[in-house]
Amino acid sequence: MSQHSDEILAHQAMNGSEKAVSELYRRWFSKLRSFACRYVGNQQEAEDLVQELFLKWVNRPELFDSGRTFSSWIFVSLRNQCLNVIRNDKNRKALAEMHFAPEPLIQPNQSLDAKQLKMELASWYKTLNEKERLVFVLRFEHGLPLKEIAEIAGIPEGSVKSCLFYLLKKVSPIAKTYSNG
């Protein structure tokens, strides 16, 4: 099973293969949990959302859009689930208080400059809008190609390129401050 592509496994899962579902879950759980955590700000809730997504898909395998890559389909599906949670009025206030910051970039024993850089990057990340955060996470944390980011974000590939250009332009003064030290 582990040598099969995600798309082949997805089709096998659609035909009732529990092994295929298990393999996809094993491959994708940590990536999807990290992705969902960016939206909901809580690792346990992110894990629950990923598990709910897989359970929903197991019960309704026809949900898989075979016209897409599995990665695009699963990221879009999870993003939509996360957005539904965010839109829930009960959660809106709690989410506004949470801090959306990238995973720690440094270890605690690193230099003061590195700690300051981490703090500045975390502050910078909080200023990004939803689209910018999505593009940032998909490109720099998950390493997805531009075409796939465009499909997941529901924007043209040129918009992804433009967004990345402006993200890099926005972060470059911070990077320059610490690259000379």
N, C-alpha and C. Protein backbone atom coordinates (compact mmCIF):
# COMPACT_ATOMS: atom_id res chain seq x y z
N MET A 1 0.81 -1.22 0.00
CA MET A 1 0.00 0.00 0.00
C MET A 1 0.85 1.27 0.00
N SER A 2 1.96 1.24 0.73
CA SER A 2 2.73 2.46 0.90
C SER A 2 3.37 2.93 -0.40
N GLN A 3 3.47 2.08 -1.41
CA GLN A 3 4.07 2.49 -2.67
C GLN A 3 3.05 3.13 -3.62
N HIS A 4 1.76 3.03 -3.31
CA HIS A 4 0.72 3.59 -4.17
C HIS A 4 0.60 5.10 -3.97
N SER A 5 0.20 5.77 -5.05
CA SER A 5 -0.03 7.22 -4.96
C SER A 5 -1.28 7.49 -4.13
N ASP A 6 -1.39 8.72 -3.67
CA ASP A 6 -2.57 9.11 -2.89
C ASP A 6 -3.85 8.92 -3.70
N GLU A 7 -3.79 9.24 -4.98
CA GLU A 7 -4.98 9.15 -5.82
C GLU A 7 -5.43 7.70 -5.99
N ILE A 8 -4.47 6.79 -6.17
CA ILE A 8 -4.82 5.36 -6.29
C ILE A 8 -5.45 4.89 -4.98
N LEU A 9 -4.84 5.27 -3.87
CA LEU A 9 -5.40 4.88 -2.57
C LEU A 9 -6.80 5.47 -2.37
N ALA A 10 -6.99 6.71 -2.80
CA ALA A 10 -8.32 7.33 -2.66
C ALA A 10 -9.36 6.55 -3.45
N HIS A 11 -9.01 6.12 -4.64
CA HIS A 11 -9.95 5.33 -5.44
C HIS A 11 -10.21 3.97 -4.78
N GLN A 12 -9.16 3.36 -4.22
CA GLN A 12 -9.35 2.10 -3.51
C GLN A 12 -10.25 2.31 -2.29
N ALA A 13 -10.05 3.43 -1.60
CA ALA A 13 -10.89 3.74 -0.44
C ALA A 13 -12.34 3.93 -0.86
N MET A 14 -12.55 4.55 -1.99
CA MET A 14 -13.91 4.75 -2.50
C MET A 14 -14.59 3.42 -2.78
N ASN A 15 -13.77 2.39 -3.05
CA ASN A 15 -14.30 1.06 -3.31
C ASN A 15 -14.32 0.20 -2.05
N GLY A 16 -14.13 0.83 -0.88
CA GLY A 16 -14.30 0.13 0.38
C GLY A 16 -13.03 -0.39 1.04
N SER A 17 -11.86 -0.04 0.54
CA SER A 17 -10.62 -0.54 1.13
C SER A 17 -10.27 0.21 2.41
N GLU A 18 -10.38 -0.49 3.53
CA GLU A 18 -10.02 0.11 4.82
C GLU A 18 -8.52 0.34 4.90
N LYS A 19 -7.74 -0.54 4.28
CA LYS A 19 -6.29 -0.38 4.29
C LYS A 19 -5.87 0.90 3.57
N ALA A 20 -6.56 1.22 2.49
CA ALA A 20 -6.26 2.44 1.75
C ALA A 20 -6.57 3.67 2.60
N VAL A 21 -7.70 3.65 3.28
CA VAL A 21 -8.06 4.77 4.16
C VAL A 21 -7.02 4.91 5.27
N SER A 22 -6.64 3.79 5.86
CA SER A 22 -5.64 3.82 6.94
C SER A 22 -4.31 4.38 6.47
N GLU A 23 -3.90 4.00 5.27
CA GLU A 23 -2.63 4.50 4.73
C GLU A 23 -2.71 6.00 4.46
N LEU A 24 -3.81 6.47 3.90
CA LEU A 24 -3.97 7.91 3.66
C LEU A 24 -4.01 8.67 4.97
N TYR A 25 -4.68 8.12 5.95
CA TYR A 25 -4.74 8.76 7.26
C TYR A 25 -3.34 8.85 7.86
N ARG A 26 -2.58 7.78 7.77
CA ARG A 26 -1.21 7.77 8.29
C ARG A 26 -0.35 8.83 7.57
N ARG A 27 -0.48 8.92 6.26
CA ARG A 27 0.31 9.87 5.48
C ARG A 27 -0.05 11.32 5.77
N TRP A 28 -1.32 11.58 5.98
CA TRP A 28 -1.81 12.95 5.98
C TRP A 28 -2.15 13.53 7.34
N PHE A 29 -2.31 12.73 8.37
CA PHE A 29 -2.81 13.23 9.63
C PHE A 29 -2.00 14.40 10.18
N SER A 30 -0.69 14.27 10.31
CA SER A 30 0.09 15.33 10.95
C SER A 30 0.12 16.60 10.09
N LYS A 31 0.18 16.46 8.77
CA LYS A 31 0.14 17.64 7.89
C LYS A 31 -1.18 18.38 8.04
N LEU A 32 -2.26 17.60 8.05
CA LEU A 32 -3.59 18.21 8.13
C LEU A 32 -3.84 18.81 9.51
N ARG A 33 -3.36 18.15 10.55
CA ARG A 33 -3.51 18.70 11.91
C ARG A 33 -2.80 20.05 12.00
N SER A 34 -1.59 20.12 11.48
CA SER A 34 -0.83 21.38 11.49
C SER A 34 -1.57 22.46 10.72
N PHE A 35 -2.09 22.09 9.57
CA PHE A 35 -2.83 23.02 8.73
C PHE A 35 -4.08 23.54 9.45
N ALA A 36 -4.85 22.63 10.03
CA ALA A 36 -6.08 23.01 10.73
C ALA A 36 -5.78 23.85 11.96
N CYS A 37 -4.68 23.56 12.62
CA CYS A 37 -4.31 24.29 13.83
C CYS A 37 -4.08 25.77 13.51
N ARG A 38 -3.62 26.07 12.32
CA ARG A 38 -3.43 27.46 11.90
C ARG A 38 -4.75 28.21 11.88
N TYR A 39 -5.81 27.51 11.57
CA TYR A 39 -7.13 28.14 11.50
C TYR A 39 -7.80 28.22 12.86
N VAL A 40 -7.85 27.10 13.56
CA VAL A 40 -8.64 27.07 14.78
C VAL A 40 -7.84 27.39 16.03
N GLY A 41 -6.51 27.38 15.92
CA GLY A 41 -5.65 27.80 17.03
C GLY A 41 -5.58 26.83 18.19
N ASN A 42 -6.06 25.63 18.00
CA ASN A 42 -6.09 24.66 19.10
C ASN A 42 -5.79 23.29 18.51
N GLN A 43 -4.73 22.67 18.99
CA GLN A 43 -4.29 21.40 18.42
C GLN A 43 -5.33 20.30 18.59
N GLN A 44 -5.98 20.23 19.74
CA GLN A 44 -6.99 19.19 19.96
C GLN A 44 -8.17 19.36 19.01
N GLU A 45 -8.62 20.59 18.85
CA GLU A 45 -9.73 20.84 17.93
C GLU A 45 -9.30 20.54 16.49
N ALA A 46 -8.05 20.86 16.15
CA ALA A 46 -7.53 20.56 14.82
C ALA A 46 -7.53 19.05 14.58
N GLU A 47 -7.08 18.29 15.57
CA GLU A 47 -7.09 16.83 15.45
C GLU A 47 -8.51 16.31 15.26
N ASP A 48 -9.44 16.87 16.03
CA ASP A 48 -10.85 16.46 15.90
C ASP A 48 -11.38 16.74 14.49
N LEU A 49 -11.02 17.89 13.95
CA LEU A 49 -11.48 18.24 12.60
C LEU A 49 -10.93 17.28 11.56
N VAL A 50 -9.67 16.90 11.69
CA VAL A 50 -9.07 15.96 10.74
C VAL A 50 -9.76 14.60 10.85
N GLN A 51 -9.97 14.16 12.08
CA GLN A 51 -10.65 12.88 12.27
C GLN A 51 -12.09 12.92 11.73
N GLU A 52 -12.78 14.02 11.96
CA GLU A 52 -14.14 14.17 11.44
C GLU A 52 -14.15 14.13 9.92
N LEU A 53 -13.16 14.76 9.31
CA LEU A 53 -13.07 14.78 7.85
C LEU A 53 -12.90 13.36 7.31
N PHE A 54 -12.01 12.59 7.92
CA PHE A 54 -11.80 11.22 7.45
C PHE A 54 -13.03 10.36 7.70
N LEU A 55 -13.67 10.53 8.85
CA LEU A 55 -14.89 9.75 9.13
C LEU A 55 -16.00 10.09 8.14
N LYS A 56 -16.14 11.36 7.86
CA LYS A 56 -17.14 11.82 6.90
C LYS A 56 -16.87 11.19 5.53
N TRP A 57 -15.59 11.17 5.16
CA TRP A 57 -15.22 10.62 3.86
C TRP A 57 -15.43 9.10 3.82
N VAL A 58 -15.12 8.41 4.91
CA VAL A 58 -15.33 6.96 4.96
C VAL A 58 -16.82 6.64 4.80
N ASN A 59 -17.66 7.43 5.44
CA ASN A 59 -19.10 7.21 5.34
C ASN A 59 -19.69 7.65 4.01
N ARG A 60 -19.02 8.58 3.36
CA ARG A 60 -19.49 9.08 2.06
C ARG A 60 -18.30 9.21 1.10
N PRO A 61 -17.78 8.07 0.62
CA PRO A 61 -16.57 8.10 -0.21
C PRO A 61 -16.74 8.87 -1.51
N GLU A 62 -17.97 9.07 -1.95
CA GLU A 62 -18.20 9.82 -3.17
C GLU A 62 -17.83 11.30 -3.03
N LEU A 63 -17.54 11.74 -1.80
CA LEU A 63 -17.13 13.14 -1.58
C LEU A 63 -15.80 13.46 -2.25
N PHE A 64 -14.96 12.44 -2.44
CA PHE A 64 -13.67 12.68 -3.09
C PHE A 64 -13.90 13.11 -4.53
N ASP A 65 -13.33 14.24 -4.88
CA ASP A 65 -13.43 14.78 -6.24
C ASP A 65 -12.26 14.23 -7.04
N SER A 66 -12.53 13.20 -7.84
CA SER A 66 -11.45 12.54 -8.57
C SER A 66 -10.87 13.42 -9.68
N GLY A 67 -11.44 14.57 -9.91
CA GLY A 67 -10.88 15.51 -10.87
C GLY A 67 -9.74 16.33 -10.29
N ARG A 68 -9.47 16.16 -9.02
CA ARG A 68 -8.40 16.87 -8.32
C ARG A 68 -7.37 15.88 -7.82
N THR A 69 -6.20 16.42 -7.45
CA THR A 69 -5.25 15.57 -6.74
C THR A 69 -5.82 15.36 -5.35
N PHE A 70 -5.42 14.28 -4.71
CA PHE A 70 -5.91 14.01 -3.37
C PHE A 70 -5.51 15.14 -2.43
N SER A 71 -4.26 15.62 -2.55
CA SER A 71 -3.79 16.67 -1.64
C SER A 71 -4.62 17.94 -1.78
N SER A 72 -4.93 18.33 -3.00
CA SER A 72 -5.77 19.53 -3.19
C SER A 72 -7.15 19.32 -2.59
N TRP A 73 -7.73 18.17 -2.88
CA TRP A 73 -9.08 17.89 -2.37
C TRP A 73 -9.10 17.89 -0.85
N ILE A 74 -8.14 17.23 -0.22
CA ILE A 74 -8.17 17.10 1.24
C ILE A 74 -7.90 18.44 1.92
N PHE A 75 -6.97 19.24 1.37
CA PHE A 75 -6.71 20.56 1.95
C PHE A 75 -7.93 21.47 1.81
N VAL A 76 -8.56 21.46 0.65
CA VAL A 76 -9.76 22.30 0.45
C VAL A 76 -10.88 21.86 1.38
N SER A 77 -11.08 20.55 1.50
CA SER A 77 -12.13 20.03 2.38
C SER A 77 -11.89 20.44 3.82
N LEU A 78 -10.64 20.30 4.26
CA LEU A 78 -10.32 20.66 5.64
C LEU A 78 -10.41 22.17 5.85
N ARG A 79 -9.97 22.93 4.88
CA ARG A 79 -10.06 24.39 4.97
C ARG A 79 -11.53 24.80 5.13
N ASN A 80 -12.41 24.20 4.36
CA ASN A 80 -13.82 24.52 4.46
C ASN A 80 -14.38 24.16 5.83
N GLN A 81 -13.96 23.03 6.36
CA GLN A 81 -14.39 22.64 7.71
C GLN A 81 -13.92 23.65 8.74
N CYS A 82 -12.67 24.07 8.61
CA CYS A 82 -12.11 25.04 9.54
C CYS A 82 -12.85 26.37 9.46
N LEU A 83 -13.14 26.79 8.25
CA LEU A 83 -13.86 28.06 8.08
C LEU A 83 -15.25 27.99 8.68
N ASN A 84 -15.88 26.83 8.62
CA ASN A 84 -17.19 26.66 9.26
C ASN A 84 -17.08 26.84 10.76
N VAL A 85 -16.02 26.31 11.35
CA VAL A 85 -15.80 26.47 12.79
C VAL A 85 -15.57 27.94 13.13
N ILE A 86 -14.76 28.59 12.32
CA ILE A 86 -14.44 30.00 12.57
C ILE A 86 -15.69 30.86 12.47
N ARG A 87 -16.55 30.53 11.54
CA ARG A 87 -17.77 31.33 11.34
C ARG A 87 -18.78 31.16 12.47
N ASN A 88 -18.61 30.15 13.24
CA ASN A 88 -19.52 29.90 14.34
C ASN A 88 -19.38 31.05 15.36
N ASP A 89 -20.46 31.73 15.63
CA ASP A 89 -20.42 32.90 16.52
C ASP A 89 -19.84 32.58 17.89
N LYS A 90 -20.12 31.40 18.39
CA LYS A 90 -19.64 31.02 19.71
C LYS A 90 -18.11 30.98 19.76
N ASN A 91 -17.49 30.61 18.65
CA ASN A 91 -16.04 30.49 18.61
C ASN A 91 -15.33 31.77 18.17
N ARG A 92 -16.08 32.68 17.58
CA ARG A 92 -15.46 33.88 17.01
C ARG A 92 -14.67 34.69 18.05
N LYS A 93 -15.24 34.86 19.23
CA LYS A 93 -14.55 35.64 20.27
C LYS A 93 -13.28 34.94 20.74
N ALA A 94 -13.36 33.63 20.95
CA ALA A 94 -12.18 32.88 21.40
C ALA A 94 -11.08 32.92 20.34
N LEU A 95 -11.44 32.84 19.09
CA LEU A 95 -10.44 32.87 18.03
C LEU A 95 -9.76 34.22 17.93
N ALA A 96 -10.51 35.28 18.18
CA ALA A 96 -9.93 36.62 18.11
C ALA A 96 -8.85 36.81 19.17
N GLU A 97 -8.96 36.10 20.28
CA GLU A 97 -7.98 36.22 21.36
C GLU A 97 -6.77 35.32 21.16
N MET A 98 -6.90 34.33 20.29
CA MET A 98 -5.79 33.39 20.09
C MET A 98 -4.71 34.03 19.25
N HIS A 99 -3.52 33.50 19.38
CA HIS A 99 -2.39 34.00 18.62
C HIS A 99 -2.09 33.03 17.48
N PHE A 100 -2.14 33.55 16.27
CA PHE A 100 -1.78 32.75 15.12
C PHE A 100 -0.33 33.10 14.80
N ALA A 101 0.56 32.21 15.15
CA ALA A 101 1.98 32.44 14.90
C ALA A 101 2.59 31.16 14.36
N PRO A 102 3.60 31.31 13.52
CA PRO A 102 4.26 30.12 13.00
C PRO A 102 4.87 29.30 14.13
N GLU A 103 5.12 28.03 13.84
CA GLU A 103 5.80 27.17 14.80
C GLU A 103 7.11 27.83 15.19
N PRO A 104 7.59 27.58 16.41
CA PRO A 104 8.85 28.18 16.81
C PRO A 104 9.96 27.88 15.81
N LEU A 105 10.67 28.92 15.43
CA LEU A 105 11.74 28.78 14.46
C LEU A 105 13.08 28.50 15.12
N ILE A 106 13.15 28.67 16.42
CA ILE A 106 14.43 28.53 17.11
C ILE A 106 14.28 27.67 18.35
N GLN A 107 15.37 27.23 18.87
CA GLN A 107 15.39 26.50 20.13
C GLN A 107 15.63 27.48 21.26
N PRO A 108 15.18 27.17 22.49
CA PRO A 108 15.30 28.10 23.61
C PRO A 108 16.74 28.51 23.92
N ASN A 109 17.73 27.71 23.60
CA ASN A 109 19.11 28.04 23.95
C ASN A 109 19.81 28.86 22.86
N GLN A 110 19.07 29.29 21.84
CA GLN A 110 19.70 30.09 20.80
C GLN A 110 19.85 31.54 21.25
N SER A 111 20.56 32.30 20.46
CA SER A 111 20.92 33.66 20.82
C SER A 111 19.72 34.58 21.00
N LEU A 112 19.97 35.70 21.66
CA LEU A 112 18.94 36.71 21.89
C LEU A 112 18.43 37.25 20.56
N ASP A 113 19.33 37.46 19.58
CA ASP A 113 18.90 37.93 18.27
C ASP A 113 17.92 36.96 17.62
N ALA A 114 18.19 35.68 17.73
CA ALA A 114 17.29 34.69 17.14
C ALA A 114 15.94 34.72 17.84
N LYS A 115 15.93 34.90 19.15
CA LYS A 115 14.67 34.99 19.88
C LYS A 115 13.89 36.24 19.46
N GLN A 116 14.59 37.33 19.31
CA GLN A 116 13.96 38.57 18.87
C GLN A 116 13.40 38.42 17.46
N LEU A 117 14.15 37.74 16.59
CA LEU A 117 13.69 37.49 15.22
C LEU A 117 12.40 36.66 15.26
N LYS A 118 12.38 35.63 16.08
CA LYS A 118 11.19 34.79 16.20
C LYS A 118 9.99 35.62 16.63
N MET A 119 10.19 36.50 17.60
CA MET A 119 9.10 37.35 18.09
C MET A 119 8.61 38.29 16.99
N GLU A 120 9.54 38.87 16.25
CA GLU A 120 9.15 39.79 15.17
C GLU A 120 8.42 39.04 14.05
N LEU A 121 8.88 37.84 13.73
CA LEU A 121 8.19 37.05 12.70
C LEU A 121 6.80 36.65 13.16
N ALA A 122 6.66 36.32 14.43
CA ALA A 122 5.34 35.97 14.97
C ALA A 122 4.41 37.18 14.89
N SER A 123 4.92 38.34 15.22
CA SER A 123 4.10 39.56 15.13
C SER A 123 3.73 39.84 13.68
N TRP A 124 4.69 39.67 12.79
CA TRP A 124 4.45 39.88 11.36
C TRP A 124 3.37 38.92 10.87
N TYR A 125 3.46 37.66 11.27
CA TYR A 125 2.50 36.64 10.83
C TYR A 125 1.08 37.02 11.24
N LYS A 126 0.93 37.61 12.43
CA LYS A 126 -0.40 38.01 12.91
C LYS A 126 -1.01 39.11 12.06
N THR A 127 -0.19 39.88 11.34
CA THR A 127 -0.72 40.97 10.52
C THR A 127 -1.25 40.48 9.17
N LEU A 128 -0.98 39.23 8.82
CA LEU A 128 -1.40 38.72 7.52
C LEU A 128 -2.90 38.44 7.51
N ASN A 129 -3.50 38.65 6.34
CA ASN A 129 -4.91 38.31 6.21
C ASN A 129 -5.04 36.80 5.93
N GLU A 130 -6.25 36.32 5.86
CA GLU A 130 -6.49 34.88 5.73
C GLU A 130 -5.82 34.30 4.48
N LYS A 131 -5.96 34.99 3.35
CA LYS A 131 -5.37 34.49 2.10
C LYS A 131 -3.85 34.43 2.22
N GLU A 132 -3.25 35.46 2.78
CA GLU A 132 -1.79 35.49 2.93
C GLU A 132 -1.31 34.37 3.85
N ARG A 133 -2.03 34.14 4.94
CA ARG A 133 -1.66 33.05 5.85
C ARG A 133 -1.75 31.71 5.15
N LEU A 134 -2.83 31.51 4.40
CA LEU A 134 -3.02 30.26 3.69
C LEU A 134 -1.88 30.02 2.70
N VAL A 135 -1.56 31.02 1.91
CA VAL A 135 -0.48 30.89 0.93
C VAL A 135 0.85 30.65 1.64
N PHE A 136 1.10 31.39 2.71
CA PHE A 136 2.34 31.24 3.48
C PHE A 136 2.49 29.81 4.00
N VAL A 137 1.45 29.30 4.64
CA VAL A 137 1.51 27.97 5.25
C VAL A 137 1.67 26.89 4.17
N LEU A 138 0.89 26.99 3.10
CA LEU A 138 0.96 25.97 2.06
C LEU A 138 2.31 25.97 1.34
N ARG A 139 2.89 27.15 1.14
CA ARG A 139 4.16 27.22 0.41
C ARG A 139 5.36 26.92 1.31
N PHE A 140 5.44 27.60 2.46
CA PHE A 140 6.66 27.53 3.26
C PHE A 140 6.64 26.45 4.33
N GLU A 141 5.46 25.98 4.71
CA GLU A 141 5.42 24.88 5.68
C GLU A 141 5.15 23.54 5.03
N HIS A 142 4.35 23.55 3.97
CA HIS A 142 4.01 22.29 3.31
C HIS A 142 4.71 22.12 1.97
N GLY A 143 5.36 23.17 1.47
CA GLY A 143 6.14 23.09 0.25
C GLY A 143 5.35 22.74 -1.00
N LEU A 144 4.09 23.15 -1.04
CA LEU A 144 3.25 22.82 -2.19
C LEU A 144 3.60 23.68 -3.39
N PRO A 145 3.44 23.14 -4.59
CA PRO A 145 3.68 23.93 -5.80
C PRO A 145 2.61 25.01 -5.96
N LEU A 146 2.95 26.04 -6.73
CA LEU A 146 2.06 27.18 -6.90
C LEU A 146 0.70 26.77 -7.46
N LYS A 147 0.70 25.87 -8.42
CA LYS A 147 -0.56 25.44 -9.04
C LYS A 147 -1.50 24.83 -8.00
N GLU A 148 -0.96 24.01 -7.12
CA GLU A 148 -1.78 23.37 -6.11
C GLU A 148 -2.26 24.38 -5.06
N ILE A 149 -1.40 25.33 -4.70
CA ILE A 149 -1.81 26.38 -3.77
C ILE A 149 -2.98 27.17 -4.36
N ALA A 150 -2.87 27.48 -5.65
CA ALA A 150 -3.95 28.21 -6.33
C ALA A 150 -5.26 27.44 -6.27
N GLU A 151 -5.18 26.13 -6.50
CA GLU A 151 -6.39 25.31 -6.46
C GLU A 151 -6.99 25.27 -5.06
N ILE A 152 -6.15 25.11 -4.07
CA ILE A 152 -6.64 25.04 -2.68
C ILE A 152 -7.23 26.37 -2.23
N ALA A 153 -6.54 27.46 -2.57
CA ALA A 153 -6.98 28.78 -2.15
C ALA A 153 -8.14 29.31 -2.99
N GLY A 154 -8.36 28.69 -4.15
CA GLY A 154 -9.43 29.14 -5.02
C GLY A 154 -9.14 30.46 -5.70
N ILE A 155 -7.85 30.67 -6.02
CA ILE A 155 -7.42 31.89 -6.69
C ILE A 155 -6.52 31.53 -7.87
N PRO A 156 -6.37 32.43 -8.84
CA PRO A 156 -5.49 32.14 -9.97
C PRO A 156 -4.02 31.97 -9.53
N GLU A 157 -3.28 31.20 -10.30
CA GLU A 157 -1.87 30.97 -9.99
C GLU A 157 -1.10 32.29 -9.96
N GLY A 158 -1.46 33.21 -10.83
CA GLY A 158 -0.81 34.53 -10.84
C GLY A 158 -1.02 35.28 -9.52
N SER A 159 -2.19 35.09 -8.92
CA SER A 159 -2.46 35.72 -7.63
C SER A 159 -1.61 35.11 -6.53
N VAL A 160 -1.35 33.81 -6.64
CA VAL A 160 -0.47 33.15 -5.66
C VAL A 160 0.93 33.73 -5.78
N LYS A 161 1.41 33.87 -7.02
CA LYS A 161 2.75 34.43 -7.25
C LYS A 161 2.83 35.85 -6.69
N SER A 162 1.81 36.62 -6.96
CA SER A 162 1.76 38.00 -6.48
C SER A 162 1.74 38.04 -4.96
N CYS A 163 0.94 37.19 -4.36
CA CYS A 163 0.85 37.13 -2.90
C CYS A 163 2.21 36.77 -2.30
N LEU A 164 2.88 35.78 -2.89
CA LEU A 164 4.21 35.39 -2.39
C LEU A 164 5.21 36.53 -2.54
N PHE A 165 5.14 37.24 -3.67
CA PHE A 165 6.03 38.38 -3.88
C PHE A 165 5.84 39.42 -2.78
N TYR A 166 4.58 39.76 -2.48
CA TYR A 166 4.31 40.77 -1.46
C TYR A 166 4.62 40.27 -0.05
N LEU A 167 4.41 38.99 0.19
CA LEU A 167 4.78 38.42 1.49
C LEU A 167 6.28 38.56 1.71
N LEU A 168 7.05 38.20 0.70
CA LEU A 168 8.51 38.30 0.81
C LEU A 168 8.96 39.75 0.94
N LYS A 169 8.27 40.62 0.22
CA LYS A 169 8.60 42.04 0.31
C LYS A 169 8.30 42.58 1.72
N LYS A 170 7.19 42.12 2.31
CA LYS A 170 6.81 42.56 3.66
C LYS A 170 7.79 42.06 4.72
N VAL A 171 8.28 40.83 4.55
CA VAL A 171 9.14 40.23 5.57
C VAL A 171 10.62 40.58 5.37
N SER A 172 10.98 41.07 4.20
CA SER A 172 12.40 41.32 3.92
C SER A 172 13.05 42.34 4.87
N PRO A 173 12.38 43.41 5.31
CA PRO A 173 13.06 44.31 6.27
C PRO A 173 13.42 43.60 7.58
N ILE A 174 12.57 42.69 8.01
CA ILE A 174 12.88 41.92 9.23
C ILE A 174 14.09 41.03 8.98
N ALA A 175 14.07 40.34 7.86
CA ALA A 175 15.18 39.42 7.54
C ALA A 175 16.48 40.19 7.39
N LYS A 176 16.45 41.36 6.75
CA LYS A 176 17.68 42.15 6.56
C LYS A 176 18.25 42.60 7.90
N THR A 177 17.38 42.95 8.83
CA THR A 177 17.83 43.40 10.15
C THR A 177 18.69 42.34 10.83
N TYR A 178 18.32 41.06 10.65
CA TYR A 178 19.01 39.99 11.34
C TYR A 178 20.06 39.28 10.49
N SER A 179 20.09 39.56 9.19
CA SER A 179 21.09 38.88 8.35
C SER A 179 22.46 39.50 8.48
N ASN A 180 22.55 40.74 8.94
CA ASN A 180 23.85 41.40 9.09
C ASN A 180 24.47 41.15 10.46
N GLY A 181 23.69 40.60 11.39
CA GLY A 181 24.18 40.44 12.74
C GLY A 181 24.78 39.12 12.95
